[in-house]
């Protein structure tokens, strides 16, 4: 005969492997979840930040609409050389309007900063970026050269408004009754948009400069897709005006 203690021991013995298997399966599921989360976080981390001028894009779209309306009307109703002048003018003006209003953008990724200006695209690995600053215009210094950031215009009017808001807030809270974090957040919100964007780019440059993929020299590519149509339009306009 077996004693009650032996019986109890025997009945619990078969359940131990099941618990171990269940624990192992749970651990594997947790590892897979952690790996999936890490992959998702990694994908989010390396997504590019895009900076563009909303006002510039809106103005460019408006100019294109007006130019298309006037140009098409001149082509349909014009007489003599007017349709040809209108076509040549559109071929010249449309690429230039797009270049200075819609095209400019700044892409900040994990390894590099890509600046798309009206006639050039500059690729700057973070390690080559020496400084990012905003005076009367936004600019980045890299490889001993200076490049303008057309997509981040500096508004002196916004700066004056931001300065007035900061002065007003200082007089309203002379004893710093608010928390330090709240004061910092409020100061950031009162700053001009261009200055906040430049601070973000400067922080990204300092954070990612040591990455392995962020090493290298600046690369500059001319935007021939914009230059070629504009030059063709200028030549066509000159020929039309010369022969008529």
Protein backbone atom coordinates (compact mmCIF):
# COMPACT_ATOMS: atom_id res chain seq x y z
CA UNK A 1 0.00 0.00 0.00
CA UNK A 2 1.01 3.51 -0.61
CA UNK A 3 0.70 6.20 1.95
CA UNK A 4 -1.38 9.35 1.32
CA UNK A 5 1.84 11.36 1.00
CA UNK A 6 3.12 9.04 -1.75
CA UNK A 7 -0.18 9.21 -3.58
CA UNK A 8 -0.17 12.98 -3.43
CA UNK A 9 3.38 13.09 -4.73
CA UNK A 10 2.54 10.75 -7.61
CA UNK A 11 -0.54 12.69 -8.68
CA UNK A 12 1.33 16.00 -8.82
CA UNK A 13 4.34 14.63 -10.68
CA UNK A 14 2.76 14.45 -14.17
CA UNK A 15 1.71 18.10 -14.00
CA UNK A 16 5.23 19.46 -13.61
CA UNK A 17 6.34 18.87 -17.22
CA UNK A 18 3.12 20.48 -18.48
CA UNK A 19 3.79 23.55 -16.39
CA UNK A 20 7.36 23.69 -17.67
CA UNK A 21 6.18 23.38 -21.29
CA UNK A 22 3.55 26.02 -20.76
CA UNK A 23 6.12 28.31 -19.19
CA UNK A 24 8.50 27.72 -22.08
CA UNK A 25 5.78 28.45 -24.63
CA UNK A 26 4.87 31.61 -22.75
CA UNK A 27 8.49 32.70 -22.69
CA UNK A 28 8.82 32.05 -26.45
CA UNK A 29 5.68 34.09 -27.11
CA UNK A 30 7.02 36.89 -24.95
CA UNK A 31 10.34 36.79 -26.85
CA UNK A 32 8.52 36.94 -30.17
CA UNK A 33 6.43 39.85 -28.93
CA UNK A 34 9.55 41.65 -27.77
CA UNK A 35 11.25 41.03 -31.10
CA UNK A 36 8.22 42.27 -33.04
CA UNK A 37 7.99 45.34 -30.85
CA UNK A 38 11.69 46.00 -31.32
CA UNK A 39 11.29 45.71 -35.09
CA UNK A 40 8.34 48.09 -35.06
CA UNK A 41 10.20 50.56 -32.87
CA UNK A 42 13.21 50.32 -35.13
CA UNK A 43 11.11 51.07 -38.20
CA UNK A 44 9.56 54.05 -36.48
CA UNK A 45 12.93 55.33 -35.32
CA UNK A 46 14.38 55.46 -38.82
CA UNK A 47 11.42 57.15 -40.51
CA UNK A 48 12.42 60.44 -42.12
CA UNK A 49 11.17 63.73 -40.77
CA UNK A 50 10.00 66.03 -43.56
CA UNK A 51 10.04 69.82 -43.25
CA UNK A 52 8.29 71.97 -45.86
CA UNK A 53 6.92 75.49 -46.10
CA UNK A 54 3.13 75.35 -46.13
CA UNK A 55 2.88 79.01 -47.10
CA UNK A 56 5.31 78.53 -49.99
CA UNK A 57 3.39 75.54 -51.33
CA UNK A 58 0.06 77.38 -51.09
CA UNK A 59 1.51 80.41 -52.88
CA UNK A 60 3.03 78.23 -55.59
CA UNK A 61 -0.23 76.39 -56.25
CA UNK A 62 -2.04 79.74 -56.51
CA UNK A 63 0.54 81.10 -58.97
CA UNK A 64 0.36 77.95 -61.08
CA UNK A 65 -3.43 78.17 -61.22
CA UNK A 66 -3.35 81.83 -62.28
CA UNK A 67 -0.58 81.17 -64.83
CA UNK A 68 -2.42 78.20 -66.32
CA UNK A 69 -5.64 80.20 -66.60
CA UNK A 70 -3.97 83.17 -68.32
CA UNK A 71 -1.72 81.03 -70.50
CA UNK A 72 -4.45 78.72 -71.75
CA UNK A 73 -6.71 81.69 -72.43
CA UNK A 74 -3.93 83.36 -74.45
CA UNK A 75 -3.28 80.19 -76.45
CA UNK A 76 -6.96 79.69 -77.30
CA UNK A 77 -8.00 83.27 -77.94
CA UNK A 78 -4.72 84.92 -78.85
CA UNK A 79 -3.80 86.04 -82.36
CA UNK A 80 -0.53 86.31 -84.21
CA UNK A 81 2.47 85.49 -82.07
CA UNK A 82 0.53 85.65 -78.78
CA UNK A 83 -0.12 81.87 -78.51
CA UNK A 84 3.57 81.10 -79.08
CA UNK A 85 4.68 83.70 -76.57
CA UNK A 86 2.20 82.28 -74.05
CA UNK A 87 3.46 78.72 -74.59
CA UNK A 88 7.10 79.77 -74.26
CA UNK A 89 6.28 81.83 -71.17
CA UNK A 90 4.51 78.88 -69.55
CA UNK A 91 7.43 76.57 -70.36
CA UNK A 92 9.76 79.05 -68.67
CA UNK A 93 7.61 80.09 -65.73
CA UNK A 94 6.08 76.79 -64.57
CA UNK A 95 9.40 75.04 -63.72
CA UNK A 96 10.65 78.16 -61.93
CA UNK A 97 7.48 78.52 -59.85
CA UNK A 98 7.60 74.83 -58.93
CA UNK A 99 11.31 75.07 -58.09
CA UNK A 100 10.94 77.99 -55.68
CA UNK A 101 7.62 77.09 -54.02
CA UNK A 102 6.64 73.40 -54.24
CA UNK A 103 9.98 71.65 -54.62
CA UNK A 104 11.94 72.82 -51.51
CA UNK A 105 11.96 70.26 -48.69
CA UNK A 106 14.25 69.00 -45.94
CA UNK A 107 14.38 65.28 -45.10
CA UNK A 108 16.03 64.34 -41.80
CA UNK A 109 16.70 60.61 -41.46
CA UNK A 110 18.73 58.45 -39.14
CA UNK A 111 21.91 58.62 -41.23
CA UNK A 112 21.73 61.80 -43.27
CA UNK A 113 20.10 65.15 -43.93
CA UNK A 114 18.77 65.64 -47.46
CA UNK A 115 18.14 69.23 -48.52
CA UNK A 116 16.08 69.77 -51.66
CA UNK A 117 16.53 73.35 -52.84
CA UNK A 118 15.19 74.95 -56.05
CA UNK A 119 18.04 73.84 -58.32
CA UNK A 120 20.07 71.41 -56.21
CA UNK A 121 19.66 68.42 -53.91
CA UNK A 122 22.29 68.20 -51.18
CA UNK A 123 22.82 64.97 -49.24
CA UNK A 124 24.68 65.50 -45.97
CA UNK A 125 25.64 62.58 -43.72
CA UNK A 126 25.17 63.66 -40.13
CA UNK A 127 28.88 63.29 -39.39
CA UNK A 128 29.68 65.95 -42.02
CA UNK A 129 27.26 68.52 -40.55
CA UNK A 130 29.26 71.17 -38.69
CA UNK A 131 26.43 73.51 -37.67
CA UNK A 132 22.76 74.22 -38.25
CA UNK A 133 21.70 77.80 -37.63
CA UNK A 134 19.04 80.37 -38.39
CA UNK A 135 19.91 84.06 -38.75
CA UNK A 136 18.10 85.95 -41.47
CA UNK A 137 17.84 82.61 -43.26
CA UNK A 138 18.14 78.96 -42.30
CA UNK A 139 21.40 77.31 -43.29
CA UNK A 140 23.57 74.29 -42.62
CA UNK A 141 27.37 74.21 -42.64
CA UNK A 142 28.98 70.99 -43.88
CA UNK A 143 32.28 70.10 -45.52
CA UNK A 144 33.48 73.71 -45.39
CA UNK A 145 30.48 74.92 -47.43
CA UNK A 146 27.22 76.66 -46.55
CA UNK A 147 23.85 75.49 -47.86
CA UNK A 148 20.57 77.36 -47.54
CA UNK A 149 17.46 75.59 -46.28
CA UNK A 150 14.78 76.97 -48.60
CA UNK A 151 12.08 74.81 -47.02
CA UNK A 152 12.57 76.47 -43.60
CA UNK A 153 12.07 80.19 -44.11
CA UNK A 154 12.83 82.59 -41.28
CA UNK A 155 10.06 85.05 -40.43
CA UNK A 156 11.24 88.14 -38.56
CA UNK A 157 7.61 88.96 -37.83
CA UNK A 158 7.15 85.60 -36.06
CA UNK A 159 10.28 86.25 -34.04
CA UNK A 160 9.01 89.64 -32.92
CA UNK A 161 5.68 88.14 -31.90
CA UNK A 162 7.49 85.35 -30.03
CA UNK A 163 9.65 87.90 -28.22
CA UNK A 164 6.58 89.87 -27.16
CA UNK A 165 4.88 86.72 -25.88
CA UNK A 166 7.95 85.77 -23.85
CA UNK A 167 8.18 89.26 -22.35
CA UNK A 168 4.47 89.22 -21.49
CA UNK A 169 4.79 85.79 -19.86
CA UNK A 170 7.78 86.95 -17.80
CA UNK A 171 5.83 89.90 -16.42
CA UNK A 172 2.79 87.73 -15.66
CA UNK A 173 4.87 85.18 -13.70
CA UNK A 174 7.75 87.12 -12.11
CA UNK A 175 8.20 84.66 -9.22
CA UNK A 176 8.23 81.49 -11.39
CA UNK A 177 5.17 80.01 -9.75
CA UNK A 178 4.76 77.46 -12.53
CA UNK A 179 6.79 74.26 -12.66
CA UNK A 180 10.14 74.17 -14.45
CA UNK A 181 8.92 71.72 -17.09
CA UNK A 182 5.80 73.77 -17.77
CA UNK A 183 7.93 76.89 -18.14
CA UNK A 184 10.26 75.15 -20.61
CA UNK A 185 7.35 73.82 -22.68
CA UNK A 186 5.72 77.24 -22.71
CA UNK A 187 8.97 78.89 -23.84
CA UNK A 188 9.29 76.38 -26.69
CA UNK A 189 5.74 77.11 -27.83
CA UNK A 190 6.41 80.86 -27.78
CA UNK A 191 9.44 80.56 -30.07
CA UNK A 192 9.24 81.07 -33.82
CA UNK A 193 8.60 77.96 -35.90
CA UNK A 194 11.87 78.23 -37.83
CA UNK A 195 13.90 78.41 -34.61
CA UNK A 196 12.17 75.32 -33.20
CA UNK A 197 12.83 73.41 -36.42
CA UNK A 198 16.51 74.40 -36.41
CA UNK A 199 16.81 73.18 -32.82
CA UNK A 200 15.33 69.81 -33.85
CA UNK A 201 17.81 69.46 -36.73
CA UNK A 202 20.70 70.46 -34.48
CA UNK A 203 19.65 67.84 -31.93
CA UNK A 204 19.40 65.17 -34.64
CA UNK A 205 22.87 66.06 -35.92
CA UNK A 206 24.37 65.75 -32.45
CA UNK A 207 22.55 62.48 -31.72
CA UNK A 208 23.22 60.62 -34.98
CA UNK A 209 26.69 61.92 -35.90
CA UNK A 210 28.41 58.85 -34.41
CA UNK A 211 26.30 56.29 -36.29
CA UNK A 212 28.17 54.01 -38.68
CA UNK A 213 25.84 54.85 -41.55
CA UNK A 214 26.10 58.59 -40.91
CA UNK A 215 29.72 58.85 -42.08
CA UNK A 216 30.74 60.30 -45.42
CA UNK A 217 31.12 63.50 -47.41
CA UNK A 218 28.42 65.84 -48.73
CA UNK A 219 26.97 65.10 -52.16
CA UNK A 220 25.42 67.70 -54.46
CA UNK A 221 23.18 66.90 -57.43
CA UNK A 222 21.81 69.51 -59.81
CA UNK A 223 18.07 69.36 -60.53
CA UNK A 224 18.23 69.07 -64.32
CA UNK A 225 14.54 68.12 -64.37
CA UNK A 226 13.87 71.73 -63.39
CA UNK A 227 16.75 73.47 -65.17
CA UNK A 228 16.25 71.88 -68.60
CA UNK A 229 12.59 72.92 -69.15
CA UNK A 230 13.30 76.43 -67.85
CA UNK A 231 16.26 76.86 -70.22
CA UNK A 232 14.21 75.47 -73.12
CA UNK A 233 11.40 77.91 -72.34
CA UNK A 234 13.83 80.85 -72.18
CA UNK A 235 15.39 79.90 -75.54
CA UNK A 236 11.99 79.40 -77.16
CA UNK A 237 10.75 82.74 -75.82
CA UNK A 238 13.84 84.53 -77.13
CA UNK A 239 13.45 82.93 -80.57
CA UNK A 240 9.74 83.80 -80.78
CA UNK A 241 10.36 87.40 -79.81
CA UNK A 242 13.28 87.67 -82.26
CA UNK A 243 11.50 86.34 -85.36
CA UNK A 244 8.14 88.02 -84.91
